[in-house]
Amino acid sequence: VTVVVVTHRDIVIESFNKFYINRGCSLLKNLLKNRRTHKYMRLLDIGCGNTRTFEKAARSRGMLWKGVDRSGSGEVTSMLMEDLNLEDNYAEIIVSCHSLEHSKNPLKALEEMYRVLKPGGYLFLATPPPNKHHILESDKDHYFVLTELQLTKLLQVAGFVGIDVYTQRFYQGKLIDNPNNFNIISVCTKEE
């Protein structure tokens, strides 16, 4: 008989995989069902633009959602990820999907995310894979495409621990046959 031990961290990583497929709700549902309380937890959505993917999922679970984007309007606060005008240890969960590559200084952006993440909280990142280097030529708003190793090193230097960085090669349980559709997924935490 083989015994498989599933940790809270495993659940978080699986939740993030499901988030990326199902656009937000599975992440919070699976993560929060493993916490005793989530009311008034804060989810910071960095680079959310006008899509506000996580807002409904967070608020439906009693969480406080805050969206920030450099071109924010309405309920989305205008703020650069390299200079988050938020208090230290602000949020239990930070999500940033396809935003880090828009930063001129990704290390500074990650250091800011670390500063505003509460100890024991989780950071979730999704970035394009390095094979998408053509976006640097075609989109002047993209400054970096990072390898798994480069992203891991930046997260370490910023202070994060428990770092898992991997290439998403599956979608809805099926192997993605086109590497242009891969994403680099990062899940890490701030030590308690």
N, C-alpha and C. Protein backbone atom coordinates (compact mmCIF):
# COMPACT_ATOMS: atom_id res chain seq x y z
N VAL A 1 0.85 -1.18 0.00
CA VAL A 1 0.00 0.00 0.00
C VAL A 1 0.89 1.23 0.00
N THR A 2 0.66 2.12 -0.94
CA THR A 2 1.40 3.37 -1.01
C THR A 2 0.59 4.47 -0.36
N VAL A 3 1.22 5.18 0.57
CA VAL A 3 0.55 6.30 1.24
C VAL A 3 1.09 7.59 0.66
N VAL A 4 0.20 8.44 0.20
CA VAL A 4 0.58 9.73 -0.34
C VAL A 4 0.15 10.79 0.66
N VAL A 5 1.10 11.56 1.12
CA VAL A 5 0.81 12.63 2.06
C VAL A 5 0.57 13.91 1.27
N VAL A 6 -0.60 14.47 1.41
CA VAL A 6 -0.94 15.71 0.72
C VAL A 6 -0.87 16.84 1.74
N THR A 7 0.00 17.80 1.48
CA THR A 7 0.17 18.92 2.40
C THR A 7 -0.70 20.09 1.96
N HIS A 8 -0.81 21.06 2.86
CA HIS A 8 -1.54 22.28 2.53
C HIS A 8 -0.90 22.94 1.31
N ARG A 9 0.43 22.90 1.24
CA ARG A 9 1.16 23.49 0.12
C ARG A 9 0.77 22.79 -1.19
N ASP A 10 0.64 21.46 -1.16
CA ASP A 10 0.20 20.73 -2.36
C ASP A 10 -1.17 21.22 -2.81
N ILE A 11 -2.04 21.43 -1.86
CA ILE A 11 -3.39 21.89 -2.18
C ILE A 11 -3.32 23.29 -2.80
N VAL A 12 -2.45 24.14 -2.25
CA VAL A 12 -2.31 25.49 -2.79
C VAL A 12 -1.81 25.44 -4.23
N ILE A 13 -0.80 24.61 -4.48
CA ILE A 13 -0.25 24.52 -5.83
C ILE A 13 -1.29 23.98 -6.80
N GLU A 14 -2.00 22.95 -6.40
CA GLU A 14 -3.06 22.41 -7.25
C GLU A 14 -4.15 23.45 -7.49
N SER A 15 -4.44 24.23 -6.44
CA SER A 15 -5.45 25.27 -6.58
C SER A 15 -5.02 26.31 -7.60
N PHE A 16 -3.73 26.66 -7.57
CA PHE A 16 -3.26 27.63 -8.53
C PHE A 16 -3.34 27.09 -9.94
N ASN A 17 -3.00 25.81 -10.11
CA ASN A 17 -3.17 25.20 -11.43
C ASN A 17 -4.61 25.32 -11.89
N LYS A 18 -5.53 25.01 -10.99
CA LYS A 18 -6.95 25.10 -11.34
C LYS A 18 -7.37 26.54 -11.58
N PHE A 19 -6.79 27.47 -10.80
CA PHE A 19 -7.10 28.89 -11.03
C PHE A 19 -6.75 29.27 -12.46
N TYR A 20 -5.59 28.85 -12.87
CA TYR A 20 -5.15 29.30 -14.19
C TYR A 20 -6.05 28.75 -15.28
N ILE A 21 -6.63 27.61 -15.03
CA ILE A 21 -7.56 27.04 -16.00
C ILE A 21 -8.95 27.65 -15.84
N ASN A 22 -9.40 27.81 -14.61
CA ASN A 22 -10.79 28.21 -14.36
C ASN A 22 -10.96 29.67 -13.98
N ARG A 23 -9.92 30.48 -14.13
CA ARG A 23 -10.01 31.92 -13.95
C ARG A 23 -10.40 32.36 -12.55
N GLY A 24 -9.82 31.78 -11.52
CA GLY A 24 -9.92 32.39 -10.22
C GLY A 24 -10.67 31.66 -9.14
N CYS A 25 -11.83 31.15 -9.41
CA CYS A 25 -12.67 30.63 -8.33
C CYS A 25 -12.09 29.40 -7.65
N SER A 26 -11.48 28.49 -8.39
CA SER A 26 -10.96 27.27 -7.78
C SER A 26 -9.82 27.56 -6.81
N LEU A 27 -8.97 28.52 -7.14
CA LEU A 27 -7.87 28.87 -6.25
C LEU A 27 -8.40 29.22 -4.88
N LEU A 28 -9.31 30.15 -4.81
CA LEU A 28 -9.80 30.60 -3.52
C LEU A 28 -10.61 29.53 -2.82
N LYS A 29 -11.44 28.85 -3.57
CA LYS A 29 -12.27 27.81 -2.96
C LYS A 29 -11.42 26.73 -2.31
N ASN A 30 -10.42 26.22 -3.04
CA ASN A 30 -9.58 25.15 -2.49
C ASN A 30 -8.65 25.65 -1.41
N LEU A 31 -8.10 26.82 -1.57
CA LEU A 31 -7.21 27.35 -0.54
C LEU A 31 -7.98 27.66 0.73
N LEU A 32 -9.10 28.30 0.59
CA LEU A 32 -9.82 28.76 1.77
C LEU A 32 -10.56 27.66 2.51
N LYS A 33 -10.91 26.57 1.84
CA LYS A 33 -11.59 25.50 2.56
C LYS A 33 -10.64 24.84 3.55
N ASN A 34 -9.34 25.10 3.41
CA ASN A 34 -8.35 24.53 4.31
C ASN A 34 -7.92 25.52 5.39
N ARG A 35 -8.58 26.64 5.49
CA ARG A 35 -8.32 27.61 6.55
C ARG A 35 -9.54 27.68 7.45
N ARG A 36 -9.29 27.91 8.72
CA ARG A 36 -10.42 27.99 9.66
C ARG A 36 -11.29 29.20 9.38
N THR A 37 -10.66 30.30 9.09
CA THR A 37 -11.43 31.51 8.81
C THR A 37 -10.78 32.25 7.66
N HIS A 38 -11.58 32.88 6.85
CA HIS A 38 -11.04 33.67 5.76
C HIS A 38 -11.70 35.04 5.69
N LYS A 39 -12.67 35.27 6.56
CA LYS A 39 -13.33 36.55 6.54
C LYS A 39 -12.30 37.64 6.85
N TYR A 40 -12.33 38.65 6.06
CA TYR A 40 -11.45 39.81 6.17
C TYR A 40 -10.02 39.54 5.76
N MET A 41 -9.73 38.35 5.21
CA MET A 41 -8.42 38.15 4.60
C MET A 41 -8.34 39.07 3.39
N ARG A 42 -7.14 39.50 3.07
CA ARG A 42 -6.97 40.39 1.94
C ARG A 42 -6.30 39.68 0.77
N LEU A 43 -6.88 39.86 -0.41
CA LEU A 43 -6.29 39.37 -1.64
C LEU A 43 -5.90 40.59 -2.47
N LEU A 44 -4.62 40.69 -2.80
CA LEU A 44 -4.11 41.78 -3.62
C LEU A 44 -3.90 41.25 -5.03
N ASP A 45 -4.57 41.85 -5.98
CA ASP A 45 -4.54 41.44 -7.39
C ASP A 45 -3.70 42.47 -8.15
N ILE A 46 -2.42 42.14 -8.39
CA ILE A 46 -1.48 43.09 -8.99
C ILE A 46 -1.49 42.93 -10.51
N GLY A 47 -1.72 44.05 -11.18
CA GLY A 47 -1.75 44.03 -12.64
C GLY A 47 -3.06 43.49 -13.18
N CYS A 48 -4.13 43.71 -12.45
CA CYS A 48 -5.42 43.11 -12.82
C CYS A 48 -6.09 43.80 -14.01
N GLY A 49 -5.67 45.03 -14.32
CA GLY A 49 -6.33 45.75 -15.41
C GLY A 49 -7.81 45.90 -15.12
N ASN A 50 -8.61 45.84 -16.15
CA ASN A 50 -10.06 45.95 -15.96
C ASN A 50 -10.74 44.59 -15.85
N THR A 51 -9.97 43.48 -15.98
CA THR A 51 -10.59 42.16 -15.95
C THR A 51 -11.03 41.77 -14.55
N ARG A 52 -10.27 42.16 -13.53
CA ARG A 52 -10.64 41.92 -12.13
C ARG A 52 -11.06 40.48 -11.89
N THR A 53 -10.25 39.56 -12.40
CA THR A 53 -10.56 38.13 -12.39
C THR A 53 -10.91 37.61 -11.00
N PHE A 54 -10.22 38.06 -9.99
CA PHE A 54 -10.39 37.49 -8.65
C PHE A 54 -11.41 38.21 -7.78
N GLU A 55 -11.89 39.33 -8.21
CA GLU A 55 -12.76 40.14 -7.36
C GLU A 55 -13.99 39.37 -6.87
N LYS A 56 -14.73 38.79 -7.77
CA LYS A 56 -15.97 38.09 -7.40
C LYS A 56 -15.68 36.90 -6.48
N ALA A 57 -14.67 36.12 -6.82
CA ALA A 57 -14.33 34.95 -6.01
C ALA A 57 -13.91 35.36 -4.61
N ALA A 58 -13.13 36.42 -4.50
CA ALA A 58 -12.67 36.87 -3.18
C ALA A 58 -13.83 37.41 -2.36
N ARG A 59 -14.59 38.30 -2.93
CA ARG A 59 -15.68 38.94 -2.17
C ARG A 59 -16.78 37.96 -1.81
N SER A 60 -17.02 36.96 -2.65
CA SER A 60 -18.06 35.99 -2.34
C SER A 60 -17.68 35.13 -1.13
N ARG A 61 -16.41 35.15 -0.77
CA ARG A 61 -15.93 34.38 0.39
C ARG A 61 -15.61 35.30 1.57
N GLY A 62 -16.06 36.53 1.51
CA GLY A 62 -15.86 37.45 2.62
C GLY A 62 -14.48 38.07 2.66
N MET A 63 -13.70 37.86 1.62
CA MET A 63 -12.36 38.44 1.58
C MET A 63 -12.43 39.88 1.11
N LEU A 64 -11.41 40.62 1.48
CA LEU A 64 -11.27 41.99 1.00
C LEU A 64 -10.38 41.94 -0.24
N TRP A 65 -10.90 42.35 -1.38
CA TRP A 65 -10.17 42.33 -2.64
C TRP A 65 -9.67 43.73 -2.96
N LYS A 66 -8.43 43.82 -3.38
CA LYS A 66 -7.90 45.10 -3.86
C LYS A 66 -7.16 44.85 -5.15
N GLY A 67 -7.56 45.56 -6.19
CA GLY A 67 -6.90 45.47 -7.47
C GLY A 67 -6.03 46.68 -7.70
N VAL A 68 -4.80 46.45 -8.16
CA VAL A 68 -3.91 47.55 -8.51
C VAL A 68 -3.36 47.32 -9.91
N ASP A 69 -3.22 48.41 -10.63
CA ASP A 69 -2.70 48.34 -11.98
C ASP A 69 -2.13 49.72 -12.30
N ARG A 70 -1.14 49.77 -13.13
CA ARG A 70 -0.54 51.07 -13.44
C ARG A 70 -1.51 52.00 -14.14
N SER A 71 -2.54 51.45 -14.77
CA SER A 71 -3.55 52.28 -15.43
C SER A 71 -4.91 52.06 -14.78
N GLY A 72 -4.92 52.05 -13.44
CA GLY A 72 -6.14 51.76 -12.71
C GLY A 72 -7.20 52.85 -12.86
N SER A 73 -8.43 52.41 -12.73
CA SER A 73 -9.56 53.33 -12.71
C SER A 73 -10.70 52.66 -11.97
N GLY A 74 -11.63 53.46 -11.48
CA GLY A 74 -12.74 52.90 -10.72
C GLY A 74 -12.24 52.27 -9.43
N GLU A 75 -12.60 51.01 -9.21
CA GLU A 75 -12.18 50.31 -8.00
C GLU A 75 -10.76 49.77 -8.09
N VAL A 76 -10.14 49.86 -9.24
CA VAL A 76 -8.76 49.42 -9.42
C VAL A 76 -7.86 50.63 -9.20
N THR A 77 -7.01 50.53 -8.19
CA THR A 77 -6.13 51.64 -7.82
C THR A 77 -4.95 51.74 -8.77
N SER A 78 -4.66 52.94 -9.21
CA SER A 78 -3.52 53.18 -10.07
C SER A 78 -2.25 53.14 -9.22
N MET A 79 -1.37 52.17 -9.52
CA MET A 79 -0.17 51.98 -8.71
C MET A 79 0.82 51.13 -9.50
N LEU A 80 2.09 51.46 -9.41
CA LEU A 80 3.13 50.65 -10.03
C LEU A 80 3.50 49.50 -9.10
N MET A 81 3.75 48.32 -9.66
CA MET A 81 4.11 47.18 -8.82
C MET A 81 5.48 47.36 -8.17
N GLU A 82 6.30 48.24 -8.70
CA GLU A 82 7.61 48.50 -8.10
C GLU A 82 7.52 49.48 -6.93
N ASP A 83 6.37 50.09 -6.73
CA ASP A 83 6.19 51.08 -5.68
C ASP A 83 4.76 50.99 -5.15
N LEU A 84 4.48 49.91 -4.44
CA LEU A 84 3.13 49.67 -3.92
C LEU A 84 2.90 50.56 -2.70
N ASN A 85 1.95 51.45 -2.84
CA ASN A 85 1.63 52.37 -1.75
C ASN A 85 0.66 51.69 -0.78
N LEU A 86 1.18 50.64 -0.14
CA LEU A 86 0.40 49.85 0.81
C LEU A 86 1.27 49.58 2.04
N GLU A 87 0.61 49.31 3.14
CA GLU A 87 1.35 49.03 4.37
C GLU A 87 2.08 47.68 4.28
N ASP A 88 3.13 47.54 5.07
CA ASP A 88 3.83 46.27 5.18
C ASP A 88 2.84 45.20 5.63
N ASN A 89 3.04 43.95 5.17
CA ASN A 89 2.21 42.81 5.59
C ASN A 89 0.73 43.05 5.33
N TYR A 90 0.41 43.63 4.20
CA TYR A 90 -0.95 44.03 3.87
C TYR A 90 -1.88 42.86 3.54
N ALA A 91 -1.41 41.89 2.74
CA ALA A 91 -2.31 40.88 2.18
C ALA A 91 -1.86 39.46 2.50
N GLU A 92 -2.84 38.57 2.66
CA GLU A 92 -2.55 37.15 2.87
C GLU A 92 -2.29 36.44 1.55
N ILE A 93 -2.86 36.94 0.47
CA ILE A 93 -2.69 36.34 -0.85
C ILE A 93 -2.41 37.46 -1.85
N ILE A 94 -1.37 37.25 -2.67
CA ILE A 94 -1.09 38.16 -3.78
C ILE A 94 -1.11 37.33 -5.05
N VAL A 95 -1.82 37.84 -6.03
CA VAL A 95 -1.89 37.19 -7.33
C VAL A 95 -1.43 38.20 -8.38
N SER A 96 -0.57 37.75 -9.27
CA SER A 96 -0.12 38.61 -10.36
C SER A 96 0.04 37.74 -11.61
N CYS A 97 -0.85 37.92 -12.54
CA CYS A 97 -0.87 37.07 -13.73
C CYS A 97 -0.52 37.89 -14.97
N HIS A 98 0.56 37.48 -15.58
CA HIS A 98 1.06 38.13 -16.79
C HIS A 98 1.21 39.64 -16.59
N SER A 99 1.88 39.99 -15.48
CA SER A 99 2.16 41.39 -15.18
C SER A 99 3.65 41.64 -14.98
N LEU A 100 4.37 40.70 -14.38
CA LEU A 100 5.77 40.92 -14.04
C LEU A 100 6.61 41.27 -15.26
N GLU A 101 6.29 40.69 -16.41
CA GLU A 101 7.06 40.96 -17.62
C GLU A 101 6.89 42.40 -18.11
N HIS A 102 5.93 43.12 -17.53
CA HIS A 102 5.72 44.53 -17.88
C HIS A 102 6.53 45.47 -16.99
N SER A 103 7.21 44.92 -16.01
CA SER A 103 8.00 45.73 -15.09
C SER A 103 9.41 45.97 -15.64
N LYS A 104 9.86 47.21 -15.54
CA LYS A 104 11.24 47.52 -15.95
C LYS A 104 12.24 47.01 -14.93
N ASN A 105 11.76 46.74 -13.71
CA ASN A 105 12.63 46.25 -12.65
C ASN A 105 11.92 45.12 -11.90
N PRO A 106 11.95 43.90 -12.43
CA PRO A 106 11.21 42.80 -11.81
C PRO A 106 11.67 42.48 -10.38
N LEU A 107 12.95 42.66 -10.07
CA LEU A 107 13.40 42.40 -8.70
C LEU A 107 12.76 43.39 -7.74
N LYS A 108 12.74 44.65 -8.09
CA LYS A 108 12.10 45.66 -7.23
C LYS A 108 10.61 45.33 -7.07
N ALA A 109 9.95 44.92 -8.13
CA ALA A 109 8.54 44.55 -8.05
C ALA A 109 8.34 43.37 -7.09
N LEU A 110 9.19 42.36 -7.18
CA LEU A 110 9.07 41.20 -6.29
C LEU A 110 9.39 41.58 -4.85
N GLU A 111 10.34 42.47 -4.65
CA GLU A 111 10.65 42.94 -3.29
C GLU A 111 9.46 43.68 -2.69
N GLU A 112 8.77 44.44 -3.50
CA GLU A 112 7.56 45.13 -3.02
C GLU A 112 6.45 44.12 -2.69
N MET A 113 6.29 43.11 -3.53
CA MET A 113 5.30 42.08 -3.24
C MET A 113 5.63 41.37 -1.94
N TYR A 114 6.90 41.10 -1.72
CA TYR A 114 7.34 40.47 -0.47
C TYR A 114 7.01 41.38 0.72
N ARG A 115 7.27 42.65 0.59
CA ARG A 115 7.03 43.60 1.68
C ARG A 115 5.56 43.64 2.08
N VAL A 116 4.66 43.61 1.10
CA VAL A 116 3.24 43.75 1.43
C VAL A 116 2.54 42.41 1.72
N LEU A 117 3.25 41.30 1.51
CA LEU A 117 2.67 39.98 1.82
C LEU A 117 2.83 39.70 3.30
N LYS A 118 1.76 39.22 3.92
CA LYS A 118 1.83 38.85 5.34
C LYS A 118 2.66 37.59 5.49
N PRO A 119 3.37 37.46 6.60
CA PRO A 119 4.09 36.20 6.87
C PRO A 119 3.13 35.02 6.82
N GLY A 120 3.54 33.97 6.12
CA GLY A 120 2.68 32.80 5.94
C GLY A 120 1.73 32.92 4.76
N GLY A 121 1.70 34.09 4.12
CA GLY A 121 0.84 34.29 2.97
C GLY A 121 1.45 33.71 1.70
N TYR A 122 0.68 33.71 0.63
CA TYR A 122 1.11 33.12 -0.63
C TYR A 122 1.15 34.14 -1.75
N LEU A 123 2.19 34.02 -2.58
CA LEU A 123 2.29 34.77 -3.82
C LEU A 123 2.12 33.80 -4.96
N PHE A 124 1.26 34.13 -5.91
CA PHE A 124 1.03 33.35 -7.11
C PHE A 124 1.38 34.22 -8.32
N LEU A 125 2.25 33.71 -9.16
CA LEU A 125 2.63 34.43 -10.38
C LEU A 125 2.39 33.55 -11.60
N ALA A 126 1.98 34.14 -12.67
CA ALA A 126 1.97 33.48 -13.97
C ALA A 126 2.67 34.42 -14.92
N THR A 127 3.66 33.90 -15.64
CA THR A 127 4.43 34.71 -16.58
C THR A 127 4.59 33.93 -17.88
N PRO A 128 4.88 34.63 -18.98
CA PRO A 128 5.09 33.90 -20.23
C PRO A 128 6.41 33.13 -20.18
N PRO A 129 6.50 32.04 -20.90
CA PRO A 129 7.75 31.27 -20.91
C PRO A 129 8.80 31.94 -21.77
N PRO A 130 10.07 31.55 -21.59
CA PRO A 130 11.13 32.20 -22.35
C PRO A 130 11.05 32.00 -23.86
N ASN A 131 10.31 30.99 -24.31
CA ASN A 131 10.18 30.82 -25.75
C ASN A 131 9.30 31.90 -26.38
N LYS A 132 8.72 32.75 -25.57
CA LYS A 132 7.90 33.85 -26.09
C LYS A 132 8.72 35.14 -26.19
N HIS A 133 10.02 35.01 -26.44
CA HIS A 133 10.88 36.17 -26.55
C HIS A 133 10.43 37.13 -27.65
N HIS A 134 9.66 36.63 -28.60
CA HIS A 134 9.16 37.49 -29.68
C HIS A 134 8.27 38.62 -29.15
N ILE A 135 7.69 38.45 -27.97
CA ILE A 135 6.85 39.52 -27.42
C ILE A 135 7.69 40.75 -27.08
N LEU A 136 8.98 40.53 -26.82
CA LEU A 136 9.85 41.66 -26.53
C LEU A 136 10.02 42.55 -27.77
N GLU A 137 9.95 41.93 -28.93
CA GLU A 137 10.08 42.68 -30.17
C GLU A 137 8.75 43.26 -30.64
N SER A 138 7.68 42.50 -30.42
CA SER A 138 6.39 42.92 -30.96
C SER A 138 5.60 43.82 -30.01
N ASP A 139 5.90 43.77 -28.73
CA ASP A 139 5.15 44.56 -27.75
C ASP A 139 6.15 45.35 -26.91
N LYS A 140 6.21 46.63 -27.13
CA LYS A 140 7.19 47.48 -26.43
C LYS A 140 6.89 47.60 -24.94
N ASP A 141 5.77 47.06 -24.52
CA ASP A 141 5.37 47.11 -23.11
C ASP A 141 5.87 45.90 -22.33
N HIS A 142 6.51 44.96 -22.98
CA HIS A 142 7.10 43.79 -22.32
C HIS A 142 8.61 44.00 -22.25
N TYR A 143 9.17 43.82 -21.04
CA TYR A 143 10.59 44.08 -20.85
C TYR A 143 11.40 42.81 -20.60
N PHE A 144 10.77 41.77 -20.06
CA PHE A 144 11.48 40.54 -19.73
C PHE A 144 10.63 39.32 -20.00
N VAL A 145 11.25 38.25 -20.40
CA VAL A 145 10.67 36.91 -20.31
C VAL A 145 11.73 36.08 -19.59
N LEU A 146 11.35 35.50 -18.49
CA LEU A 146 12.30 34.85 -17.59
C LEU A 146 12.20 33.34 -17.65
N THR A 147 13.33 32.68 -17.50
CA THR A 147 13.33 31.22 -17.39
C THR A 147 12.89 30.84 -15.98
N GLU A 148 12.62 29.56 -15.78
CA GLU A 148 12.28 29.09 -14.44
C GLU A 148 13.41 29.40 -13.46
N LEU A 149 14.65 29.16 -13.88
CA LEU A 149 15.79 29.40 -13.01
C LEU A 149 15.94 30.89 -12.68
N GLN A 150 15.79 31.75 -13.66
CA GLN A 150 15.90 33.19 -13.41
C GLN A 150 14.81 33.67 -12.46
N LEU A 151 13.60 33.20 -12.67
CA LEU A 151 12.50 33.59 -11.79
C LEU A 151 12.71 33.07 -10.38
N THR A 152 13.19 31.84 -10.26
CA THR A 152 13.48 31.28 -8.93
C THR A 152 14.52 32.13 -8.21
N LYS A 153 15.58 32.49 -8.91
CA LYS A 153 16.64 33.32 -8.30
C LYS A 153 16.10 34.67 -7.86
N LEU A 154 15.29 35.31 -8.69
CA LEU A 154 14.72 36.61 -8.32
C LEU A 154 13.82 36.49 -7.09
N LEU A 155 13.01 35.44 -7.03
CA LEU A 155 12.15 35.23 -5.86
C LEU A 155 12.99 35.01 -4.60
N GLN A 156 14.07 34.24 -4.71
CA GLN A 156 14.96 34.02 -3.57
C GLN A 156 15.59 35.32 -3.10
N VAL A 157 16.12 36.10 -4.03
CA VAL A 157 16.75 37.36 -3.68
C VAL A 157 15.75 38.31 -3.02
N ALA A 158 14.51 38.28 -3.47
CA ALA A 158 13.46 39.13 -2.89
C ALA A 158 13.07 38.69 -1.48
N GLY A 159 13.44 37.45 -1.09
CA GLY A 159 13.17 36.99 0.27
C GLY A 159 12.18 35.85 0.39
N PHE A 160 11.56 35.44 -0.69
CA PHE A 160 10.54 34.39 -0.64
C PHE A 160 11.16 33.03 -0.33
N VAL A 161 10.36 32.16 0.27
CA VAL A 161 10.77 30.79 0.58
C VAL A 161 9.71 29.84 0.04
N GLY A 162 10.00 28.53 0.13
CA GLY A 162 9.04 27.53 -0.33
C GLY A 162 8.68 27.75 -1.79
N ILE A 163 9.67 28.05 -2.59
CA ILE A 163 9.45 28.47 -3.98
C ILE A 163 9.26 27.26 -4.89
N ASP A 164 8.17 27.25 -5.62
CA ASP A 164 7.92 26.27 -6.68
C ASP A 164 7.71 27.04 -7.96
N VAL A 165 8.59 26.83 -8.92
CA VAL A 165 8.47 27.47 -10.23
C VAL A 165 8.51 26.35 -11.26
N TYR A 166 7.53 26.32 -12.12
CA TYR A 166 7.47 25.24 -13.11
C TYR A 166 6.73 25.72 -14.34
N THR A 167 6.94 25.00 -15.42
CA THR A 167 6.26 25.31 -16.67
C THR A 167 4.95 24.54 -16.71
N GLN A 168 3.88 25.26 -16.93
CA GLN A 168 2.56 24.64 -17.05
C GLN A 168 2.50 24.00 -18.43
N ARG A 169 2.46 22.69 -18.44
CA ARG A 169 2.45 21.95 -19.71
C ARG A 169 1.12 21.23 -19.96
N PHE A 170 0.21 21.37 -19.02
CA PHE A 170 -1.07 20.68 -19.14
C PHE A 170 -2.21 21.68 -19.05
N TYR A 171 -3.27 21.40 -19.73
CA TYR A 171 -4.49 22.20 -19.65
C TYR A 171 -5.66 21.22 -19.61
N GLN A 172 -6.46 21.32 -18.56
CA GLN A 172 -7.59 20.42 -18.35
C GLN A 172 -7.17 18.96 -18.47
N GLY A 173 -6.00 18.65 -17.86
CA GLY A 173 -5.51 17.28 -17.82
C GLY A 173 -4.87 16.78 -19.09
N LYS A 174 -4.79 17.61 -20.11
CA LYS A 174 -4.21 17.18 -21.38
C LYS A 174 -2.89 17.91 -21.62
N LEU A 175 -1.95 17.21 -22.22
CA LEU A 175 -0.66 17.78 -22.55
C LEU A 175 -0.84 18.89 -23.58
N ILE A 176 -0.24 20.04 -23.33
CA ILE A 176 -0.28 21.14 -24.29
C ILE A 176 0.77 20.85 -25.34
N ASP A 177 0.36 20.70 -26.57
CA ASP A 177 1.31 20.32 -27.62
C ASP A 177 2.00 21.53 -28.25
N ASN A 178 1.52 22.71 -28.00
CA ASN A 178 2.12 23.92 -28.56
C ASN A 178 2.83 24.69 -27.46
N PRO A 179 4.18 24.73 -27.47
CA PRO A 179 4.91 25.43 -26.41
C PRO A 179 4.61 26.91 -26.33
N ASN A 180 4.00 27.49 -27.35
CA ASN A 180 3.60 28.89 -27.26
C ASN A 180 2.47 29.10 -26.28
N ASN A 181 1.82 28.03 -25.86
CA ASN A 181 0.72 28.13 -24.90
C ASN A 181 1.14 27.81 -23.48
N PHE A 182 2.42 27.53 -23.25
CA PHE A 182 2.90 27.27 -21.90
C PHE A 182 2.87 28.57 -21.08
N ASN A 183 2.86 28.41 -19.77
CA ASN A 183 3.04 29.52 -18.84
C ASN A 183 4.04 29.08 -17.79
N ILE A 184 4.76 30.02 -17.24
CA ILE A 184 5.60 29.75 -16.09
C ILE A 184 4.76 30.08 -14.86
N ILE A 185 4.56 29.11 -14.00
CA ILE A 185 3.76 29.25 -12.80
C ILE A 185 4.70 29.28 -11.60
N SER A 186 4.50 30.23 -10.70
CA SER A 186 5.30 30.36 -9.50
C SER A 186 4.39 30.45 -8.29
N VAL A 187 4.69 29.66 -7.27
CA VAL A 187 3.98 29.73 -6.00
C VAL A 187 5.04 29.79 -4.93
N CYS A 188 4.93 30.77 -4.02
CA CYS A 188 5.90 30.88 -2.93
C CYS A 188 5.24 31.55 -1.75
N THR A 189 6.00 31.65 -0.67
CA THR A 189 5.43 32.20 0.56
C THR A 189 6.45 33.08 1.25
N LYS A 190 5.98 33.78 2.27
CA LYS A 190 6.84 34.60 3.12
C LYS A 190 6.91 33.89 4.46
N GLU A 191 8.11 33.67 4.94
CA GLU A 191 8.29 32.92 6.19
C GLU A 191 7.55 33.57 7.34
N GLU A 192 6.97 32.71 8.18
CA GLU A 192 6.24 33.23 9.35
C GLU A 192 7.19 33.58 10.46
